[in-house]
Amino acid sequence: MPVHTRFLNSIMELFTQIRFALFCAMICLVGCATEKFDPSQAPEFLVKEDYGLFYLIGPAQERGPDASLRHGERVKMLRREFGYSYVTIADGRSGYIANEALAPAPAPKPIETASPFRKRSARVGAPLSPESSPLEIEPLPEPVDVIHPISEMDSSADAKPDFRY
């Protein structure tokens, strides 16, 4: 068999092996599918590193990270990918952060609204009458502003400070 025929056969065999290796790699990457979330129902996560690096375009961008997120900052995960997740931060920007920098966030505590009323507490040992139940609501008293007389003010506080230039 001529030399050039053996050389072409070895190249064709090498090309076939490379195609097979690429095919196997593609099959492996199919198993690394992304997980997408509805933006209104997106789960919240906390940054668990001191400074989680945040990338607008992606972790392979040339200019480096666009921001660093502080420990405990909440983010909404829009898409979980292999290695990095696409998130939205508090100021509304969306970008990528490493999966290792995130931890599931506990449910936020409900915000209590201030009420100008308080429940009337029954005195201990006092009999309850039908017209005064413990669930009655009474308005809170108006705050009283205490005005301090000018004589009590420190006159040295009004003095003009000396500056050196």
N, C-alpha and C. Protein backbone atom coordinates (compact mmCIF):
# COMPACT_ATOMS: atom_id res chain seq x y z
N MET A 1 0.85 -1.17 0.00
CA MET A 1 0.00 0.00 0.00
C MET A 1 0.90 1.24 0.00
N PRO A 2 0.59 2.20 -0.82
CA PRO A 2 1.44 3.40 -0.90
C PRO A 2 1.37 4.19 0.41
N VAL A 3 2.38 5.00 0.63
CA VAL A 3 2.53 5.78 1.87
C VAL A 3 1.42 6.83 1.98
N HIS A 4 1.11 7.49 0.87
CA HIS A 4 0.11 8.55 0.96
C HIS A 4 -1.28 7.99 1.26
N THR A 5 -1.57 6.75 0.88
CA THR A 5 -2.86 6.13 1.19
C THR A 5 -2.95 5.82 2.68
N ARG A 6 -1.85 5.30 3.25
CA ARG A 6 -1.84 5.04 4.70
C ARG A 6 -1.97 6.34 5.47
N PHE A 7 -1.34 7.39 4.99
CA PHE A 7 -1.41 8.70 5.65
C PHE A 7 -2.85 9.23 5.62
N LEU A 8 -3.52 9.11 4.47
CA LEU A 8 -4.90 9.58 4.36
C LEU A 8 -5.84 8.74 5.23
N ASN A 9 -5.59 7.45 5.32
CA ASN A 9 -6.42 6.59 6.17
C ASN A 9 -6.27 6.96 7.64
N SER A 10 -5.05 7.26 8.06
CA SER A 10 -4.82 7.63 9.46
C SER A 10 -5.48 8.98 9.78
N ILE A 11 -5.46 9.90 8.82
CA ILE A 11 -6.12 11.20 9.03
C ILE A 11 -7.64 11.01 9.11
N MET A 12 -8.19 10.17 8.26
CA MET A 12 -9.63 9.91 8.28
C MET A 12 -10.04 9.23 9.59
N GLU A 13 -9.20 8.33 10.08
CA GLU A 13 -9.49 7.67 11.35
C GLU A 13 -9.44 8.66 12.50
N LEU A 14 -8.48 9.57 12.49
CA LEU A 14 -8.37 10.60 13.51
C LEU A 14 -9.58 11.53 13.46
N PHE A 15 -10.00 11.91 12.25
CA PHE A 15 -11.16 12.78 12.08
C PHE A 15 -12.42 12.09 12.62
N THR A 16 -12.57 10.79 12.41
CA THR A 16 -13.71 10.04 12.92
C THR A 16 -13.70 9.99 14.44
N GLN A 17 -12.52 9.84 15.05
CA GLN A 17 -12.42 9.83 16.51
C GLN A 17 -12.77 11.19 17.10
N ILE A 18 -12.35 12.26 16.43
CA ILE A 18 -12.67 13.60 16.92
C ILE A 18 -14.18 13.84 16.84
N ARG A 19 -14.80 13.43 15.75
CA ARG A 19 -16.25 13.59 15.61
C ARG A 19 -16.98 12.82 16.70
N PHE A 20 -16.52 11.61 17.01
CA PHE A 20 -17.14 10.82 18.06
C PHE A 20 -16.98 11.51 19.42
N ALA A 21 -15.81 12.07 19.69
CA ALA A 21 -15.58 12.76 20.97
C ALA A 21 -16.49 13.99 21.07
N LEU A 22 -16.64 14.73 19.98
CA LEU A 22 -17.53 15.90 20.00
C LEU A 22 -18.98 15.47 20.20
N PHE A 23 -19.38 14.39 19.59
CA PHE A 23 -20.73 13.86 19.76
C PHE A 23 -20.99 13.50 21.23
N CYS A 24 -20.01 12.85 21.87
CA CYS A 24 -20.15 12.48 23.29
C CYS A 24 -20.23 13.73 24.17
N ALA A 25 -19.44 14.74 23.85
CA ALA A 25 -19.47 15.99 24.62
C ALA A 25 -20.83 16.67 24.49
N MET A 26 -21.40 16.66 23.30
CA MET A 26 -22.72 17.26 23.10
C MET A 26 -23.78 16.52 23.90
N ILE A 27 -23.71 15.22 23.95
CA ILE A 27 -24.67 14.43 24.71
C ILE A 27 -24.55 14.77 26.20
N CYS A 28 -23.34 14.93 26.69
CA CYS A 28 -23.13 15.28 28.10
C CYS A 28 -23.69 16.67 28.41
N LEU A 29 -23.52 17.61 27.51
CA LEU A 29 -24.00 18.97 27.75
C LEU A 29 -25.51 19.08 27.69
N VAL A 30 -26.17 18.18 27.02
CA VAL A 30 -27.63 18.20 26.98
C VAL A 30 -28.17 17.95 28.39
N GLY A 31 -27.49 17.17 29.19
CA GLY A 31 -27.90 16.92 30.56
C GLY A 31 -27.75 18.14 31.45
N CYS A 32 -27.02 19.15 31.01
CA CYS A 32 -26.82 20.37 31.79
C CYS A 32 -27.81 21.44 31.35
N ALA A 33 -29.06 21.08 31.23
CA ALA A 33 -30.09 22.03 30.76
C ALA A 33 -30.31 23.12 31.81
N THR A 34 -30.78 24.26 31.35
CA THR A 34 -31.03 25.37 32.24
C THR A 34 -32.42 25.25 32.83
N GLU A 35 -32.62 25.92 33.95
CA GLU A 35 -33.91 25.95 34.63
C GLU A 35 -34.39 27.39 34.64
N LYS A 36 -35.55 27.67 34.03
CA LYS A 36 -36.07 29.03 33.92
C LYS A 36 -37.21 29.24 34.90
N PHE A 37 -37.35 30.50 35.38
CA PHE A 37 -38.40 30.86 36.31
C PHE A 37 -39.17 32.05 35.78
N ASP A 38 -40.45 32.12 36.11
CA ASP A 38 -41.28 33.26 35.78
C ASP A 38 -40.79 34.46 36.61
N PRO A 39 -40.52 35.63 36.00
CA PRO A 39 -39.99 36.76 36.77
C PRO A 39 -40.86 37.17 37.96
N SER A 40 -42.18 37.06 37.84
CA SER A 40 -43.03 37.45 38.97
C SER A 40 -43.02 36.40 40.07
N GLN A 41 -42.72 35.15 39.74
CA GLN A 41 -42.69 34.07 40.72
C GLN A 41 -41.27 33.56 40.98
N ALA A 42 -40.26 34.32 40.58
CA ALA A 42 -38.88 33.86 40.70
C ALA A 42 -38.49 33.69 42.17
N PRO A 43 -37.77 32.61 42.48
CA PRO A 43 -37.34 32.41 43.86
C PRO A 43 -36.24 33.40 44.24
N GLU A 44 -36.22 33.74 45.52
CA GLU A 44 -35.21 34.67 46.02
C GLU A 44 -34.06 33.89 46.63
N PHE A 45 -32.86 34.44 46.44
CA PHE A 45 -31.65 33.87 47.00
C PHE A 45 -30.88 34.96 47.71
N LEU A 46 -30.01 34.56 48.63
CA LEU A 46 -29.13 35.48 49.33
C LEU A 46 -27.70 35.26 48.87
N VAL A 47 -26.95 36.35 48.79
CA VAL A 47 -25.53 36.24 48.47
C VAL A 47 -24.83 35.77 49.74
N LYS A 48 -24.12 34.64 49.67
CA LYS A 48 -23.49 34.09 50.86
C LYS A 48 -21.99 34.39 50.94
N GLU A 49 -21.42 34.98 49.91
CA GLU A 49 -20.02 35.38 49.96
C GLU A 49 -19.93 36.84 50.39
N ASP A 50 -18.74 37.26 50.84
CA ASP A 50 -18.57 38.65 51.25
C ASP A 50 -18.81 39.59 50.07
N TYR A 51 -18.26 39.27 48.93
CA TYR A 51 -18.43 40.08 47.73
C TYR A 51 -18.70 39.14 46.56
N GLY A 52 -19.98 38.98 46.20
CA GLY A 52 -20.35 38.14 45.07
C GLY A 52 -20.21 38.95 43.79
N LEU A 53 -19.40 38.46 42.85
CA LEU A 53 -19.13 39.20 41.61
C LEU A 53 -20.33 39.10 40.68
N PHE A 54 -20.78 40.26 40.17
CA PHE A 54 -21.97 40.38 39.34
C PHE A 54 -21.56 40.85 37.95
N TYR A 55 -21.96 40.10 36.92
CA TYR A 55 -21.61 40.41 35.53
C TYR A 55 -22.88 40.70 34.74
N LEU A 56 -22.92 41.81 34.02
CA LEU A 56 -24.09 42.14 33.21
C LEU A 56 -24.20 41.25 31.98
N ILE A 57 -23.09 41.06 31.27
CA ILE A 57 -23.10 40.30 30.01
C ILE A 57 -22.87 38.82 30.26
N GLY A 58 -21.98 38.49 31.13
CA GLY A 58 -21.66 37.09 31.44
C GLY A 58 -20.30 37.01 32.08
N PRO A 59 -19.95 35.89 32.68
CA PRO A 59 -18.68 35.78 33.39
C PRO A 59 -17.46 35.83 32.49
N ALA A 60 -17.64 35.68 31.18
CA ALA A 60 -16.49 35.71 30.27
C ALA A 60 -16.30 37.08 29.63
N GLN A 61 -16.99 38.11 30.15
CA GLN A 61 -16.83 39.43 29.55
C GLN A 61 -15.43 39.96 29.81
N GLU A 62 -14.91 40.75 28.89
CA GLU A 62 -13.52 41.19 28.94
C GLU A 62 -13.23 42.18 30.04
N ARG A 63 -14.20 43.02 30.40
CA ARG A 63 -13.92 44.12 31.32
C ARG A 63 -13.98 43.74 32.79
N GLY A 64 -14.33 42.52 33.13
CA GLY A 64 -14.39 42.11 34.51
C GLY A 64 -15.79 42.33 35.08
N PRO A 65 -15.96 42.14 36.39
CA PRO A 65 -17.29 42.25 36.98
C PRO A 65 -17.81 43.69 36.95
N ASP A 66 -19.13 43.83 36.85
CA ASP A 66 -19.76 45.15 36.82
C ASP A 66 -20.10 45.64 38.22
N ALA A 67 -20.26 44.73 39.16
CA ALA A 67 -20.59 45.10 40.54
C ALA A 67 -20.19 43.94 41.45
N SER A 68 -20.13 44.23 42.73
CA SER A 68 -19.94 43.18 43.71
C SER A 68 -21.08 43.30 44.71
N LEU A 69 -21.78 42.20 44.91
CA LEU A 69 -22.94 42.19 45.79
C LEU A 69 -22.49 41.80 47.19
N ARG A 70 -23.04 42.50 48.18
CA ARG A 70 -22.64 42.27 49.56
C ARG A 70 -23.30 41.02 50.14
N HIS A 71 -22.69 40.51 51.20
CA HIS A 71 -23.20 39.34 51.91
C HIS A 71 -24.61 39.63 52.41
N GLY A 72 -25.54 38.73 52.14
CA GLY A 72 -26.91 38.88 52.62
C GLY A 72 -27.83 39.63 51.68
N GLU A 73 -27.33 40.12 50.55
CA GLU A 73 -28.18 40.85 49.61
C GLU A 73 -29.10 39.87 48.89
N ARG A 74 -30.37 40.27 48.71
CA ARG A 74 -31.36 39.41 48.05
C ARG A 74 -31.33 39.61 46.55
N VAL A 75 -31.42 38.51 45.81
CA VAL A 75 -31.51 38.53 44.35
C VAL A 75 -32.64 37.59 43.94
N LYS A 76 -33.24 37.85 42.78
CA LYS A 76 -34.26 36.97 42.23
C LYS A 76 -33.65 36.18 41.08
N MET A 77 -33.74 34.85 41.15
CA MET A 77 -33.15 34.01 40.11
C MET A 77 -34.13 33.85 38.95
N LEU A 78 -33.71 34.29 37.77
CA LEU A 78 -34.53 34.17 36.57
C LEU A 78 -34.21 32.90 35.80
N ARG A 79 -32.94 32.48 35.84
CA ARG A 79 -32.53 31.27 35.10
C ARG A 79 -31.30 30.69 35.78
N ARG A 80 -31.38 29.40 36.10
CA ARG A 80 -30.23 28.71 36.70
C ARG A 80 -29.52 27.96 35.59
N GLU A 81 -28.23 28.23 35.45
CA GLU A 81 -27.43 27.60 34.41
C GLU A 81 -26.29 26.84 35.05
N PHE A 82 -25.49 26.21 34.23
CA PHE A 82 -24.35 25.44 34.72
C PHE A 82 -23.24 26.40 35.14
N GLY A 83 -22.99 26.54 36.43
CA GLY A 83 -21.91 27.40 36.94
C GLY A 83 -22.38 28.78 37.34
N TYR A 84 -23.22 29.42 36.55
CA TYR A 84 -23.68 30.78 36.83
C TYR A 84 -25.19 30.84 36.67
N SER A 85 -25.81 31.78 37.39
CA SER A 85 -27.25 31.97 37.29
C SER A 85 -27.55 33.39 36.85
N TYR A 86 -28.62 33.53 36.08
CA TYR A 86 -29.08 34.83 35.60
C TYR A 86 -30.06 35.36 36.65
N VAL A 87 -29.72 36.50 37.27
CA VAL A 87 -30.49 37.02 38.39
C VAL A 87 -30.84 38.49 38.16
N THR A 88 -31.79 38.98 38.95
CA THR A 88 -32.13 40.40 39.00
C THR A 88 -31.80 40.88 40.40
N ILE A 89 -31.09 42.01 40.49
CA ILE A 89 -30.72 42.55 41.80
C ILE A 89 -31.72 43.64 42.18
N ALA A 90 -31.56 44.20 43.38
CA ALA A 90 -32.53 45.14 43.94
C ALA A 90 -32.73 46.39 43.09
N ASP A 91 -31.69 46.88 42.41
CA ASP A 91 -31.85 48.11 41.62
C ASP A 91 -32.43 47.84 40.24
N GLY A 92 -32.81 46.59 39.93
CA GLY A 92 -33.48 46.27 38.69
C GLY A 92 -32.58 45.75 37.58
N ARG A 93 -31.26 45.78 37.78
CA ARG A 93 -30.35 45.27 36.75
C ARG A 93 -30.36 43.74 36.78
N SER A 94 -30.20 43.16 35.60
CA SER A 94 -30.14 41.70 35.48
C SER A 94 -28.76 41.31 34.99
N GLY A 95 -28.24 40.22 35.52
CA GLY A 95 -26.91 39.76 35.13
C GLY A 95 -26.63 38.39 35.73
N TYR A 96 -25.37 38.05 35.76
CA TYR A 96 -24.94 36.71 36.16
C TYR A 96 -24.13 36.75 37.45
N ILE A 97 -24.32 35.72 38.27
CA ILE A 97 -23.55 35.54 39.50
C ILE A 97 -23.29 34.04 39.66
N ALA A 98 -22.17 33.69 40.26
CA ALA A 98 -21.79 32.28 40.42
C ALA A 98 -22.79 31.55 41.33
N ASN A 99 -23.10 30.31 40.97
CA ASN A 99 -24.03 29.52 41.77
C ASN A 99 -23.50 29.28 43.18
N GLU A 100 -22.18 29.18 43.33
CA GLU A 100 -21.59 28.94 44.65
C GLU A 100 -21.78 30.13 45.58
N ALA A 101 -22.04 31.33 45.02
CA ALA A 101 -22.19 32.54 45.83
C ALA A 101 -23.62 32.72 46.32
N LEU A 102 -24.54 31.81 45.97
CA LEU A 102 -25.94 31.97 46.32
C LEU A 102 -26.41 30.89 47.27
N ALA A 103 -27.35 31.28 48.14
CA ALA A 103 -28.01 30.34 49.05
C ALA A 103 -29.50 30.68 49.05
N PRO A 104 -30.38 29.68 49.18
CA PRO A 104 -31.82 29.98 49.21
C PRO A 104 -32.16 30.93 50.34
N ALA A 105 -33.02 31.91 50.05
CA ALA A 105 -33.40 32.91 51.04
C ALA A 105 -34.62 32.43 51.82
N PRO A 106 -34.65 32.74 53.12
CA PRO A 106 -35.86 32.43 53.87
C PRO A 106 -36.98 33.36 53.43
N ALA A 107 -38.19 32.99 53.72
CA ALA A 107 -39.34 33.82 53.34
C ALA A 107 -39.25 35.16 54.06
N PRO A 108 -39.54 36.27 53.36
CA PRO A 108 -39.45 37.58 54.02
C PRO A 108 -40.52 37.70 55.10
N LYS A 109 -40.18 38.42 56.17
CA LYS A 109 -41.12 38.65 57.26
C LYS A 109 -42.16 39.65 56.80
N PRO A 110 -43.42 39.45 57.20
CA PRO A 110 -44.45 40.41 56.81
C PRO A 110 -44.19 41.76 57.47
N ILE A 111 -44.49 42.80 56.74
CA ILE A 111 -44.27 44.15 57.24
C ILE A 111 -45.48 44.56 58.06
N GLU A 112 -45.23 44.94 59.30
CA GLU A 112 -46.32 45.38 60.15
C GLU A 112 -46.57 46.86 59.90
N THR A 113 -47.83 47.19 59.73
CA THR A 113 -48.17 48.59 59.51
C THR A 113 -48.52 49.22 60.84
N ALA A 114 -48.13 50.47 61.00
CA ALA A 114 -48.41 51.19 62.23
C ALA A 114 -49.88 51.56 62.28
N SER A 115 -50.49 51.37 63.41
CA SER A 115 -51.90 51.68 63.58
C SER A 115 -52.03 52.78 64.63
N PRO A 116 -52.88 53.76 64.39
CA PRO A 116 -53.04 54.83 65.39
C PRO A 116 -53.91 54.38 66.56
N PHE A 117 -54.37 53.16 66.55
CA PHE A 117 -55.22 52.67 67.62
C PHE A 117 -54.53 51.52 68.33
N ARG A 118 -54.93 51.30 69.57
CA ARG A 118 -54.43 50.16 70.32
C ARG A 118 -55.60 49.49 71.01
N LYS A 119 -55.41 48.23 71.33
CA LYS A 119 -56.45 47.51 72.02
C LYS A 119 -56.47 47.95 73.48
N ARG A 120 -57.66 48.08 74.01
CA ARG A 120 -57.80 48.44 75.42
C ARG A 120 -57.54 47.18 76.24
N SER A 121 -56.64 47.30 77.15
CA SER A 121 -56.32 46.13 77.97
C SER A 121 -57.19 46.14 79.21
N ALA A 122 -57.67 45.00 79.56
CA ALA A 122 -58.48 44.88 80.77
C ALA A 122 -57.55 44.81 81.96
N ARG A 123 -57.93 45.51 83.02
CA ARG A 123 -57.12 45.47 84.24
C ARG A 123 -57.25 44.11 84.89
N VAL A 124 -56.19 43.67 85.50
CA VAL A 124 -56.19 42.37 86.16
C VAL A 124 -57.13 42.43 87.34
N GLY A 125 -58.05 41.50 87.40
CA GLY A 125 -58.96 41.42 88.52
C GLY A 125 -60.20 42.28 88.36
N ALA A 126 -60.24 43.15 87.34
CA ALA A 126 -61.41 44.00 87.16
C ALA A 126 -62.48 43.20 86.44
N PRO A 127 -63.73 43.33 86.89
CA PRO A 127 -64.79 42.58 86.22
C PRO A 127 -65.06 43.18 84.84
N LEU A 128 -65.37 42.33 83.90
CA LEU A 128 -65.68 42.77 82.55
C LEU A 128 -67.16 43.06 82.45
N SER A 129 -67.48 44.23 81.99
CA SER A 129 -68.88 44.57 81.78
C SER A 129 -69.21 44.38 80.31
N PRO A 130 -70.48 44.18 79.96
CA PRO A 130 -70.82 43.97 78.56
C PRO A 130 -70.48 45.16 77.67
N GLU A 131 -70.51 46.39 78.22
CA GLU A 131 -70.20 47.55 77.38
C GLU A 131 -68.71 47.78 77.21
N SER A 132 -67.85 47.18 78.04
CA SER A 132 -66.40 47.34 77.88
C SER A 132 -65.77 45.97 77.68
N SER A 133 -65.64 45.57 76.47
CA SER A 133 -65.01 44.29 76.18
C SER A 133 -63.52 44.52 75.92
N PRO A 134 -62.69 43.50 76.07
CA PRO A 134 -61.25 43.70 75.85
C PRO A 134 -60.90 43.94 74.39
N LEU A 135 -61.83 43.80 73.47
CA LEU A 135 -61.55 44.00 72.05
C LEU A 135 -61.86 45.41 71.58
N GLU A 136 -62.33 46.27 72.51
CA GLU A 136 -62.60 47.65 72.12
C GLU A 136 -61.30 48.35 71.76
N ILE A 137 -61.40 49.31 70.87
CA ILE A 137 -60.23 50.03 70.41
C ILE A 137 -60.36 51.49 70.83
N GLU A 138 -59.33 52.00 71.44
CA GLU A 138 -59.33 53.41 71.84
C GLU A 138 -58.22 54.12 71.08
N PRO A 139 -58.43 55.38 70.73
CA PRO A 139 -57.38 56.12 70.02
C PRO A 139 -56.19 56.38 70.93
N LEU A 140 -55.02 56.42 70.34
CA LEU A 140 -53.82 56.73 71.11
C LEU A 140 -53.80 58.21 71.46
N PRO A 141 -53.21 58.56 72.58
CA PRO A 141 -53.14 59.99 72.92
C PRO A 141 -52.21 60.73 71.97
N GLU A 142 -52.49 61.99 71.79
CA GLU A 142 -51.66 62.83 70.93
C GLU A 142 -50.30 63.01 71.60
N PRO A 143 -49.21 63.02 70.79
CA PRO A 143 -47.89 63.25 71.40
C PRO A 143 -47.79 64.68 71.91
N VAL A 144 -47.08 64.85 72.99
CA VAL A 144 -46.89 66.17 73.59
C VAL A 144 -45.46 66.60 73.31
N ASP A 145 -45.32 67.75 72.67
CA ASP A 145 -43.99 68.28 72.41
C ASP A 145 -43.54 69.09 73.62
N VAL A 146 -42.34 68.77 74.09
CA VAL A 146 -41.78 69.50 75.22
C VAL A 146 -40.86 70.56 74.66
N ILE A 147 -41.18 71.81 74.97
CA ILE A 147 -40.36 72.92 74.50
C ILE A 147 -39.42 73.30 75.62
N HIS A 148 -38.14 73.33 75.32
CA HIS A 148 -37.14 73.70 76.31
C HIS A 148 -36.95 75.20 76.30
N PRO A 149 -36.86 75.78 77.45
CA PRO A 149 -36.63 77.23 77.48
C PRO A 149 -35.26 77.57 76.93
N ILE A 150 -35.14 78.75 76.37
CA ILE A 150 -33.88 79.18 75.77
C ILE A 150 -32.79 79.29 76.82
N SER A 151 -33.15 79.58 78.04
CA SER A 151 -32.14 79.73 79.08
C SER A 151 -31.38 78.44 79.34
N GLU A 152 -32.02 77.30 79.06
CA GLU A 152 -31.35 76.03 79.29
C GLU A 152 -30.38 75.67 78.17
N MET A 153 -30.47 76.36 77.03
CA MET A 153 -29.59 76.04 75.92
C MET A 153 -28.18 76.52 76.20
N ASP A 154 -27.21 75.78 75.69
CA ASP A 154 -25.81 76.12 75.86
C ASP A 154 -25.46 77.23 74.87
N SER A 155 -25.04 78.37 75.39
CA SER A 155 -24.73 79.51 74.51
C SER A 155 -23.45 79.26 73.72
N SER A 156 -22.58 78.37 74.18
CA SER A 156 -21.33 78.14 73.45
C SER A 156 -21.60 77.36 72.16
N ALA A 157 -22.74 76.68 72.05
CA ALA A 157 -23.06 75.95 70.84
C ALA A 157 -23.39 76.89 69.70
N ASP A 158 -23.87 78.10 70.03
CA ASP A 158 -24.20 79.07 68.99
C ASP A 158 -22.99 79.89 68.57
N ALA A 159 -21.90 79.77 69.30
CA ALA A 159 -20.71 80.56 68.97
C ALA A 159 -20.15 80.12 67.63
N LYS A 160 -19.56 81.08 66.93
CA LYS A 160 -18.99 80.78 65.63
C LYS A 160 -17.64 80.07 65.81
N PRO A 161 -17.43 78.91 65.13
CA PRO A 161 -16.16 78.18 65.30
C PRO A 161 -15.02 78.92 64.62
N ASP A 162 -13.82 78.68 65.15
CA ASP A 162 -12.61 79.27 64.56
C ASP A 162 -12.06 78.32 63.52
N PHE A 163 -11.82 78.85 62.33
CA PHE A 163 -11.25 78.03 61.26
C PHE A 163 -9.85 78.53 60.92
N ARG A 164 -9.00 77.61 60.57
CA ARG A 164 -7.68 77.96 60.09
C ARG A 164 -7.56 77.52 58.66
N TYR A 165 -7.07 78.41 57.80
CA TYR A 165 -6.95 78.07 56.40
C TYR A 165 -5.53 77.92 55.99
